[in-house]
């Protein structure tokens, strides 16, 4: 086995469903957006017929802050039955290129999302699923292109009411200083979720950690530009973006989330309108698709199917 392949192999004990999912590796692709190479993973739909016609709909997953497309590698394959699926690396994260620090904002990332939807052939009317920071970027995208979406799911994005400090309790860069590790395995061992939490599914966390590193002179470091998530993002009017969305929406939260309080969930859900469901994933923290991945998959499949059955084309 090649050294790179060996480095990515998960050592922790894992269930069969996980090995099945990560065994269906998405195709690695790039598209250029405003001079920056944007990487994404693409999973083709299964060949078997589905109940929604011959042309499968698209689903795009958007990761959280400092994360990358492989955070969805254990989730995306469950949607290949009936959907064409992709997961994006936002600029400055994962295997995408970087931008000057002052250029990073929700509008440019909305264009990155738009480019991946187009390049990956996810239309018409694809579904958008954004976790945490990715949920905020999805709000911005849907405020601009919502009429082109079949629906948008926001997963545990901590949106506070106006007047409250959106950055309260957070540092300008949630990842801190970018460290350099002399050894790959040492770096994997130092990987931590933000906010700090214990995840019982250690095999998922290990898989993500092994896909979060890049080699550079002197050792290994995280696939993350320290300028990619400056404190300026808290000044963006995401409550206005969400209120302006023109497509079906749903809010998923972890029952034990350390970031989204009941008050914040009610506020966010209220901006989505009276028909937007609020789905609480039991025994899940902020990283709900890591804590309760199969429950997250089941709830999301039901939500997408409901939207699809009610839509008029």
Protein backbone atom coordinates (compact mmCIF):
# COMPACT_ATOMS: atom_id res chain seq x y z
CA UNK A 1 0.00 0.00 0.00
CA UNK A 2 1.38 3.42 -0.97
CA UNK A 3 2.50 5.64 1.90
CA UNK A 4 -0.17 8.29 1.22
CA UNK A 5 -2.90 5.64 1.13
CA UNK A 6 -1.61 4.10 4.34
CA UNK A 7 -1.67 7.49 6.07
CA UNK A 8 -5.36 7.89 5.27
CA UNK A 9 -6.37 4.46 6.57
CA UNK A 10 -8.51 4.61 9.74
CA UNK A 11 -7.12 2.55 12.62
CA UNK A 12 -10.03 2.85 15.04
CA UNK A 13 -12.67 0.13 15.01
CA UNK A 14 -15.58 1.13 12.79
CA UNK A 15 -18.94 -0.38 11.79
CA UNK A 16 -19.66 -1.86 8.37
CA UNK A 17 -21.81 1.06 7.25
CA UNK A 18 -18.88 3.44 7.71
CA UNK A 19 -16.49 1.29 5.67
CA UNK A 20 -19.16 1.02 2.98
CA UNK A 21 -19.62 4.78 2.88
CA UNK A 22 -15.99 5.86 2.75
CA UNK A 23 -15.34 3.09 0.23
CA UNK A 24 -17.47 5.07 -2.22
CA UNK A 25 -14.99 7.85 -2.74
CA UNK A 26 -16.22 10.97 -4.44
CA UNK A 27 -14.54 12.14 -7.62
CA UNK A 28 -12.11 14.98 -6.90
CA UNK A 29 -12.79 18.01 -9.10
CA UNK A 30 -11.83 21.70 -9.34
CA UNK A 31 -13.52 24.79 -10.72
CA UNK A 32 -12.09 28.33 -10.93
CA UNK A 33 -13.94 31.12 -9.11
CA UNK A 34 -12.63 34.69 -9.16
CA UNK A 35 -9.10 33.47 -9.75
CA UNK A 36 -9.18 30.82 -7.01
CA UNK A 37 -9.26 27.05 -7.55
CA UNK A 38 -12.24 25.57 -5.70
CA UNK A 39 -12.09 21.85 -4.96
CA UNK A 40 -15.11 19.62 -4.48
CA UNK A 41 -16.05 15.96 -4.31
CA UNK A 42 -18.72 14.55 -6.61
CA UNK A 43 -20.67 11.31 -6.16
CA UNK A 44 -22.61 10.07 -9.17
CA UNK A 45 -26.14 8.75 -8.57
CA UNK A 46 -26.74 5.02 -8.46
CA UNK A 47 -27.81 3.42 -11.72
CA UNK A 48 -30.98 2.01 -10.20
CA UNK A 49 -34.25 3.83 -11.05
CA UNK A 50 -35.73 6.14 -8.46
CA UNK A 51 -39.20 7.39 -7.80
CA UNK A 52 -38.42 10.97 -8.81
CA UNK A 53 -37.95 10.55 -12.54
CA UNK A 54 -35.01 9.87 -14.83
CA UNK A 55 -33.02 13.01 -14.03
CA UNK A 56 -31.67 12.88 -10.47
CA UNK A 57 -31.74 15.99 -8.34
CA UNK A 58 -28.58 17.42 -6.81
CA UNK A 59 -27.50 17.82 -3.18
CA UNK A 60 -24.57 20.02 -2.17
CA UNK A 61 -23.05 19.76 1.31
CA UNK A 62 -21.19 22.79 2.73
CA UNK A 63 -18.78 22.22 5.63
CA UNK A 64 -18.22 24.29 8.75
CA UNK A 65 -15.41 26.67 9.63
CA UNK A 66 -11.90 25.30 9.17
CA UNK A 67 -13.34 22.03 7.85
CA UNK A 68 -13.46 20.49 4.37
CA UNK A 69 -15.45 18.31 1.98
CA UNK A 70 -14.39 15.03 3.61
CA UNK A 71 -16.46 15.88 6.67
CA UNK A 72 -19.33 14.61 4.51
CA UNK A 73 -17.65 11.50 3.05
CA UNK A 74 -19.46 9.20 5.49
CA UNK A 75 -22.79 10.92 4.78
CA UNK A 76 -22.90 11.72 1.05
CA UNK A 77 -23.03 8.13 -0.29
CA UNK A 78 -26.36 7.55 1.48
CA UNK A 79 -27.90 10.04 -0.95
CA UNK A 80 -26.66 8.45 -4.17
CA UNK A 81 -29.97 6.60 -4.46
CA UNK A 82 -31.90 9.29 -6.33
CA UNK A 83 -29.46 12.20 -6.08
CA UNK A 84 -26.27 13.54 -7.63
CA UNK A 85 -24.20 14.58 -4.61
CA UNK A 86 -21.30 16.98 -4.05
CA UNK A 87 -19.36 18.43 -1.13
CA UNK A 88 -17.39 21.66 -1.49
CA UNK A 89 -14.11 22.90 -0.04
CA UNK A 90 -14.70 26.62 0.55
CA UNK A 91 -11.79 28.90 -0.35
CA UNK A 92 -9.00 28.85 2.19
CA UNK A 93 -9.99 25.40 3.43
CA UNK A 94 -9.40 21.81 2.41
CA UNK A 95 -7.88 21.40 -1.03
CA UNK A 96 -9.20 24.69 -2.41
CA UNK A 97 -6.93 27.63 -3.09
CA UNK A 98 -6.47 30.65 -0.86
CA UNK A 99 -7.38 34.30 -1.29
CA UNK A 100 -5.99 37.55 0.15
CA UNK A 101 -7.37 37.88 3.68
CA UNK A 102 -9.55 40.90 2.92
CA UNK A 103 -11.27 39.07 0.04
CA UNK A 104 -12.84 36.28 2.11
CA UNK A 105 -16.54 36.98 2.64
CA UNK A 106 -19.93 35.32 2.32
CA UNK A 107 -20.63 36.80 -1.11
CA UNK A 108 -17.53 35.34 -2.75
CA UNK A 109 -18.25 32.00 -1.13
CA UNK A 110 -21.81 32.13 -2.44
CA UNK A 111 -20.26 32.38 -5.89
CA UNK A 112 -18.08 29.37 -5.08
CA UNK A 113 -21.19 27.39 -4.14
CA UNK A 114 -22.89 28.54 -7.33
CA UNK A 115 -19.91 27.48 -9.45
CA UNK A 116 -19.83 23.99 -7.91
CA UNK A 117 -23.57 23.53 -8.46
CA UNK A 118 -23.10 24.46 -12.12
CA UNK A 119 -19.85 22.58 -12.73
CA UNK A 120 -21.06 19.47 -10.91
CA UNK A 121 -24.36 19.37 -12.84
CA UNK A 122 -26.48 19.50 -9.67
CA UNK A 123 -29.37 21.48 -11.14
CA UNK A 124 -32.15 22.17 -11.68
CA UNK A 125 -33.49 22.88 -8.21
CA UNK A 126 -30.75 21.21 -6.14
CA UNK A 127 -30.80 21.03 -2.37
CA UNK A 128 -28.25 22.87 -0.23
CA UNK A 129 -27.12 21.61 3.20
CA UNK A 130 -24.81 23.82 5.27
CA UNK A 131 -23.33 23.04 8.68
CA UNK A 132 -22.36 25.80 11.14
CA UNK A 133 -20.20 28.32 9.22
CA UNK A 134 -21.31 26.56 6.04
CA UNK A 135 -24.89 27.30 7.05
CA UNK A 136 -24.12 31.02 7.08
CA UNK A 137 -22.56 30.76 3.62
CA UNK A 138 -25.65 28.86 2.48
CA UNK A 139 -27.89 31.64 3.81
CA UNK A 140 -26.00 34.12 1.67
CA UNK A 141 -26.19 31.86 -1.37
CA UNK A 142 -29.93 31.32 -0.96
CA UNK A 143 -30.53 35.06 -0.53
CA UNK A 144 -29.00 35.52 -3.99
CA UNK A 145 -30.04 32.32 -5.80
CA UNK A 146 -32.85 30.88 -3.68
CA UNK A 147 -35.27 30.70 -6.61
CA UNK A 148 -32.93 28.14 -8.15
CA UNK A 149 -32.96 25.85 -5.10
CA UNK A 150 -35.32 23.04 -4.20
CA UNK A 151 -34.62 23.69 -0.53
CA UNK A 152 -31.96 24.64 2.00
CA UNK A 153 -31.11 22.94 5.30
CA UNK A 154 -29.21 24.90 7.95
CA UNK A 155 -27.48 22.58 10.44
CA UNK A 156 -26.61 24.05 13.85
CA UNK A 157 -25.52 27.51 12.69
CA UNK A 158 -25.39 29.82 15.76
CA UNK A 159 -27.30 32.88 14.56
CA UNK A 160 -27.96 35.45 17.28
CA UNK A 161 -30.71 38.10 17.19
CA UNK A 162 -29.65 41.63 16.11
CA UNK A 163 -28.11 43.62 18.92
CA UNK A 164 -26.32 40.61 20.37
CA UNK A 165 -22.62 40.19 19.70
CA UNK A 166 -22.42 37.55 16.96
CA UNK A 167 -18.80 36.89 17.86
CA UNK A 168 -19.36 36.68 21.59
CA UNK A 169 -17.00 34.24 23.22
CA UNK A 170 -15.06 33.62 20.01
CA UNK A 171 -11.62 34.50 18.82
CA UNK A 172 -10.90 36.23 15.52
CA UNK A 173 -9.58 32.93 14.17
CA UNK A 174 -11.27 29.90 15.79
CA UNK A 175 -8.42 27.62 14.70
CA UNK A 176 -5.76 29.67 16.47
CA UNK A 177 -2.21 29.71 15.17
CA UNK A 178 -1.50 27.19 12.41
CA UNK A 179 0.93 24.66 13.88
CA UNK A 180 3.58 22.62 12.12
CA UNK A 181 4.09 19.00 13.20
CA UNK A 182 7.18 16.98 12.27
CA UNK A 183 5.24 13.72 12.05
CA UNK A 184 1.92 12.86 10.34
CA UNK A 185 0.67 10.58 13.11
CA UNK A 186 1.53 13.14 15.78
CA UNK A 187 -0.56 15.69 13.92
CA UNK A 188 -3.49 13.28 13.66
CA UNK A 189 -3.32 12.69 17.42
CA UNK A 190 -3.51 16.44 18.05
CA UNK A 191 -6.68 16.95 15.99
CA UNK A 192 -9.58 18.42 18.03
CA UNK A 193 -13.14 19.41 17.19
CA UNK A 194 -14.17 23.05 17.67
CA UNK A 195 -15.97 23.73 19.92
CA UNK A 196 -14.28 21.13 22.08
CA UNK A 197 -16.44 18.08 22.54
CA UNK A 198 -16.18 14.34 22.95
CA UNK A 199 -17.44 12.38 19.96
CA UNK A 200 -18.12 8.72 20.62
CA UNK A 201 -17.66 7.90 16.92
CA UNK A 202 -13.87 8.10 17.08
CA UNK A 203 -13.52 6.45 13.68
CA UNK A 204 -15.25 9.44 12.02
CA UNK A 205 -13.09 11.97 13.83
CA UNK A 206 -9.96 10.02 12.93
CA UNK A 207 -11.01 9.82 9.27
CA UNK A 208 -11.54 13.59 9.18
CA UNK A 209 -8.22 14.24 10.93
CA UNK A 210 -6.33 12.14 8.41
CA UNK A 211 -7.86 14.15 5.56
CA UNK A 212 -7.15 17.49 7.26
CA UNK A 213 -3.36 17.55 6.81
CA UNK A 214 -0.98 18.70 4.12
CA UNK A 215 2.78 18.33 3.90
CA UNK A 216 5.04 21.33 3.66
CA UNK A 217 8.67 22.10 4.29
CA UNK A 218 9.51 20.98 7.81
CA UNK A 219 6.49 18.79 8.47
CA UNK A 220 2.69 18.66 8.40
CA UNK A 221 0.06 21.31 8.99
CA UNK A 222 -3.70 21.74 8.69
CA UNK A 223 -5.43 22.40 5.36
CA UNK A 224 -6.59 25.80 6.52
CA UNK A 225 -5.64 29.40 5.79
CA UNK A 226 -5.47 31.32 9.07
CA UNK A 227 -6.99 34.34 7.28
CA UNK A 228 -9.98 32.40 5.97
CA UNK A 229 -12.28 33.13 8.94
CA UNK A 230 -11.50 36.58 10.26
CA UNK A 231 -13.66 38.33 12.85
CA UNK A 232 -15.17 40.44 10.06
CA UNK A 233 -17.59 37.62 9.29
CA UNK A 234 -19.57 38.40 12.45
CA UNK A 235 -20.46 41.82 11.04
CA UNK A 236 -22.24 40.35 8.02
CA UNK A 237 -26.06 40.62 8.22
CA UNK A 238 -26.88 36.93 8.06
CA UNK A 239 -30.29 37.49 9.65
CA UNK A 240 -31.13 39.69 6.65
CA UNK A 241 -29.77 37.09 4.25
CA UNK A 242 -31.88 34.36 5.83
CA UNK A 243 -35.02 36.49 5.88
CA UNK A 244 -34.53 37.19 2.15
CA UNK A 245 -34.27 33.51 1.17
CA UNK A 246 -36.80 32.51 -1.49
CA UNK A 247 -36.91 28.71 -1.23
CA UNK A 248 -38.11 26.07 1.24
CA UNK A 249 -35.94 25.94 4.35
CA UNK A 250 -35.42 23.73 7.39
CA UNK A 251 -33.33 24.01 10.55
CA UNK A 252 -31.54 21.00 12.03
CA UNK A 253 -29.94 21.34 15.46
CA UNK A 254 -28.21 19.02 17.90
CA UNK A 255 -30.20 18.47 21.08
CA UNK A 256 -27.01 18.98 23.11
CA UNK A 257 -25.41 21.69 20.96
CA UNK A 258 -22.91 23.91 22.77
CA UNK A 259 -23.44 26.74 20.26
CA UNK A 260 -27.16 26.90 19.40
CA UNK A 261 -29.42 27.65 22.36
CA UNK A 262 -33.19 27.13 22.32
CA UNK A 263 -33.63 30.90 21.98
CA UNK A 264 -31.28 31.05 19.00
CA UNK A 265 -33.02 28.09 17.38
CA UNK A 266 -36.44 29.73 17.74
CA UNK A 267 -35.07 33.02 16.37
CA UNK A 268 -33.43 31.37 13.37
CA UNK A 269 -36.43 29.18 12.66
CA UNK A 270 -38.69 32.24 12.86
CA UNK A 271 -36.73 33.97 10.11
CA UNK A 272 -37.36 30.97 7.89
CA UNK A 273 -41.12 31.39 7.95
CA UNK A 274 -44.06 29.45 9.39
CA UNK A 275 -43.62 26.40 7.16
CA UNK A 276 -39.98 25.74 8.00
CA UNK A 277 -39.54 22.66 10.20
CA UNK A 278 -37.21 22.62 13.20
CA UNK A 279 -35.60 19.19 13.47
CA UNK A 280 -33.80 18.29 16.70
CA UNK A 281 -31.35 15.38 16.47
CA UNK A 282 -31.34 13.59 19.86
CA UNK A 283 -28.00 12.94 21.62
CA UNK A 284 -26.19 15.14 19.09
CA UNK A 285 -23.91 18.05 19.88
CA UNK A 286 -22.82 20.81 17.50
CA UNK A 287 -21.25 18.36 15.06
CA UNK A 288 -24.51 16.48 14.67
CA UNK A 289 -23.49 14.57 11.53
CA UNK A 290 -20.52 13.16 13.47
CA UNK A 291 -22.35 12.47 16.73
CA UNK A 292 -25.47 10.89 15.21
CA UNK A 293 -24.67 10.32 11.52
CA UNK A 294 -27.36 7.76 10.72
CA UNK A 295 -30.07 9.77 12.48
CA UNK A 296 -28.89 12.85 10.56
CA UNK A 297 -29.01 10.94 7.26
CA UNK A 298 -32.49 9.56 7.97
CA UNK A 299 -33.92 12.96 8.95
CA UNK A 300 -32.35 14.66 5.95
CA UNK A 301 -33.57 12.06 3.47
CA UNK A 302 -37.11 12.45 4.80
CA UNK A 303 -36.90 16.24 4.56
CA UNK A 304 -35.61 16.23 0.98
CA UNK A 305 -38.22 13.68 -0.07
CA UNK A 306 -41.00 15.80 1.46
CA UNK A 307 -39.86 18.87 -0.44
CA UNK A 308 -39.53 16.92 -3.64
CA UNK A 309 -42.99 15.37 -3.41
CA UNK A 310 -44.64 18.73 -2.68
CA UNK A 311 -42.83 20.68 -5.41
CA UNK A 312 -44.51 21.69 -8.63
CA UNK A 313 -42.34 21.77 -11.77
